[in-house]
Amino acid sequence: MCCFDSPQREWLQLSLSLDTPLPFESKLMPRVVIADDDPEILQFLSNALKAFGHVAATASRGDEALETIRTLRPRAAFLDVLMPGLDGFEVCKALRADASFATLPVILLSAIEADRLAEMAASVGATDYLSKPLSLADLRARVNKYLA
């Protein structure tokens, strides 16, 4: 099952040209960590964030995501709920237990029904959530809200 609709698929195809490093990418650009076990969703999110002016590091497992977040100290993290290793809830709990990441915006991603996802996100201290299938407009709204 795909994570985005036809117009978003067209946008993704266009954005694939952004897959090469931009000459101005540096430590000065905002860093974001994205974790999802679906490579297509990772690519979509990475390209979208790059198009929005952010550098994204990716992980396909929760334990990788946690290590990457601790190493890079990003400005935000987008975490799939269901991943191998640690799931997004466990990663979020681990981050919230560490005082140096207490205020890191953590946005959970899931196909779980929105009301239930909101409740679960709040219970682990997540900042926000996005429901799958992902909407480019919703993603942009979260980026603008937490990375402005």
Protein backbone atom coordinates (compact mmCIF):
# COMPACT_ATOMS: atom_id res chain seq x y z
CA MET A 1 0.00 0.00 0.00
CA CYS A 2 1.40 3.38 -0.98
CA CYS A 3 1.73 6.29 1.40
CA PHE A 4 0.56 9.07 -0.90
CA ASP A 5 -1.97 9.84 -3.63
CA SER A 6 -1.46 10.52 -7.36
CA PRO A 7 -0.64 14.27 -7.19
CA GLN A 8 1.81 13.55 -4.39
CA ARG A 9 3.35 10.74 -6.46
CA GLU A 10 3.91 13.23 -9.30
CA TRP A 11 5.49 15.66 -6.85
CA LEU A 12 7.73 12.87 -5.56
CA GLN A 13 8.86 12.03 -9.08
CA LEU A 14 9.82 15.67 -9.64
CA SER A 15 11.53 15.88 -6.28
CA LEU A 16 13.73 12.86 -7.00
CA SER A 17 15.96 15.22 -8.93
CA LEU A 18 16.75 16.77 -5.52
CA ASP A 19 18.30 13.48 -4.44
CA THR A 20 21.79 14.78 -5.27
CA PRO A 21 23.42 16.86 -2.55
CA LEU A 22 22.81 20.55 -2.90
CA PRO A 23 26.00 22.66 -2.90
CA PHE A 24 24.84 24.73 0.07
CA GLU A 25 23.97 21.80 2.35
CA SER A 26 25.89 22.17 5.56
CA LYS A 27 25.67 21.94 9.32
CA LEU A 28 23.86 25.29 9.22
CA MET A 29 20.76 23.78 7.63
CA PRO A 30 18.19 22.35 10.03
CA ARG A 31 18.62 18.64 10.66
CA VAL A 32 15.68 16.28 10.92
CA VAL A 33 15.64 12.53 11.59
CA ILE A 34 13.06 10.39 9.80
CA ALA A 35 12.49 6.77 10.77
CA ASP A 36 10.22 4.39 8.87
CA ASP A 37 10.69 0.78 7.77
CA ASP A 38 9.02 1.50 4.39
CA PRO A 39 11.73 2.71 1.96
CA GLU A 40 9.15 4.47 -0.23
CA ILE A 41 7.87 6.53 2.71
CA LEU A 42 11.44 7.32 3.80
CA GLN A 43 12.27 8.56 0.29
CA PHE A 44 9.08 10.62 0.09
CA LEU A 45 9.66 12.27 3.47
CA SER A 46 13.35 12.84 2.80
CA ASN A 47 12.65 14.50 -0.56
CA ALA A 48 9.80 16.56 0.85
CA LEU A 49 11.90 17.82 3.75
CA LYS A 50 14.79 18.61 1.42
CA ALA A 51 12.39 20.57 -0.80
CA PHE A 52 11.24 22.46 2.32
CA GLY A 53 14.88 23.39 3.05
CA HIS A 54 15.85 20.81 5.65
CA VAL A 55 18.51 18.12 5.74
CA ALA A 56 17.11 14.74 6.74
CA ALA A 57 18.92 11.72 8.12
CA THR A 58 16.99 8.47 7.73
CA ALA A 59 16.70 5.24 9.68
CA SER A 60 14.68 2.11 8.96
CA ARG A 61 14.71 0.76 12.52
CA GLY A 62 13.80 2.34 15.82
CA ASP A 63 17.12 1.55 17.47
CA GLU A 64 18.94 3.18 14.52
CA ALA A 65 16.68 6.22 14.86
CA LEU A 66 17.45 6.59 18.55
CA GLU A 67 21.20 6.34 17.95
CA THR A 68 21.00 8.80 15.05
CA ILE A 69 18.99 11.29 17.13
CA ARG A 70 21.46 11.05 20.01
CA THR A 71 24.39 11.56 17.63
CA LEU A 72 23.03 14.30 15.35
CA ARG A 73 20.89 16.15 17.89
CA PRO A 74 18.34 17.15 15.24
CA ARG A 75 15.74 19.90 15.44
CA ALA A 76 12.89 17.37 15.02
CA ALA A 77 12.17 13.66 14.56
CA PHE A 78 9.47 11.97 12.49
CA LEU A 79 9.00 8.39 13.73
CA ASP A 80 6.90 5.59 12.32
CA VAL A 81 4.99 3.83 15.08
CA LEU A 82 5.61 0.27 13.86
CA MET A 83 9.27 -0.46 13.11
CA PRO A 84 11.67 -3.30 13.80
CA GLY A 85 13.99 -2.95 16.76
CA LEU A 86 12.30 -0.30 18.86
CA ASP A 87 8.94 1.04 17.76
CA GLY A 88 8.21 4.76 17.53
CA PHE A 89 6.53 4.79 20.95
CA GLU A 90 9.60 3.23 22.59
CA VAL A 91 11.92 5.69 20.85
CA CYS A 92 9.76 8.60 21.97
CA LYS A 93 9.70 7.31 25.57
CA ALA A 94 13.50 6.96 25.55
CA LEU A 95 13.89 10.50 24.25
CA ARG A 96 11.52 11.93 26.84
CA ALA A 97 13.43 10.12 29.61
CA ASP A 98 16.59 11.99 28.55
CA ALA A 99 16.52 15.62 29.74
CA SER A 100 18.57 16.78 26.75
CA PHE A 101 15.77 15.66 24.38
CA ALA A 102 12.78 16.63 26.52
CA THR A 103 11.77 19.46 24.17
CA LEU A 104 12.71 17.83 20.84
CA PRO A 105 9.65 17.89 18.57
CA VAL A 106 8.72 14.23 17.98
CA ILE A 107 6.04 13.60 15.36
CA LEU A 108 4.69 10.04 15.20
CA LEU A 109 3.56 8.54 11.88
CA SER A 110 0.98 5.76 11.66
CA ALA A 111 -2.03 4.35 9.86
CA ILE A 112 -3.70 3.87 13.26
CA GLU A 113 -7.07 5.64 13.47
CA ALA A 114 -6.41 9.35 14.17
CA ASP A 115 -8.20 9.60 17.55
CA ARG A 116 -6.42 6.54 18.89
CA LEU A 117 -3.08 7.73 17.48
CA ALA A 118 -3.55 11.13 19.15
CA GLU A 119 -4.24 9.44 22.49
CA MET A 120 -1.27 7.09 22.15
CA ALA A 121 1.04 9.92 21.04
CA ALA A 122 0.07 11.99 24.07
CA SER A 123 0.65 9.03 26.40
CA VAL A 124 4.32 8.72 25.33
CA GLY A 125 4.99 12.46 25.24
CA ALA A 126 5.05 12.90 21.46
CA THR A 127 4.70 16.47 20.27
CA ASP A 128 2.34 15.66 17.40
CA TYR A 129 1.36 12.96 14.93
CA LEU A 130 0.61 12.46 11.24
CA SER A 131 -1.81 9.87 9.94
CA LYS A 132 -0.99 7.68 6.97
CA PRO A 133 -1.58 7.96 4.12
CA LEU A 134 0.57 11.04 4.48
CA SER A 135 -0.60 14.37 3.13
CA LEU A 136 2.01 16.75 1.76
CA ALA A 137 -0.03 19.68 3.13
CA ASP A 138 -0.10 18.12 6.63
CA LEU A 139 3.64 17.45 6.47
CA ARG A 140 4.34 21.04 5.42
CA ALA A 141 2.13 22.31 8.28
CA ARG A 142 4.14 20.28 10.83
CA VAL A 143 7.44 21.41 9.32
CA ASN A 144 6.33 25.04 9.46
CA LYS A 145 5.05 24.65 13.01
CA TYR A 146 8.07 22.90 14.54
CA LEU A 147 10.98 23.96 12.32
CA ALA A 148 10.12 27.60 11.60
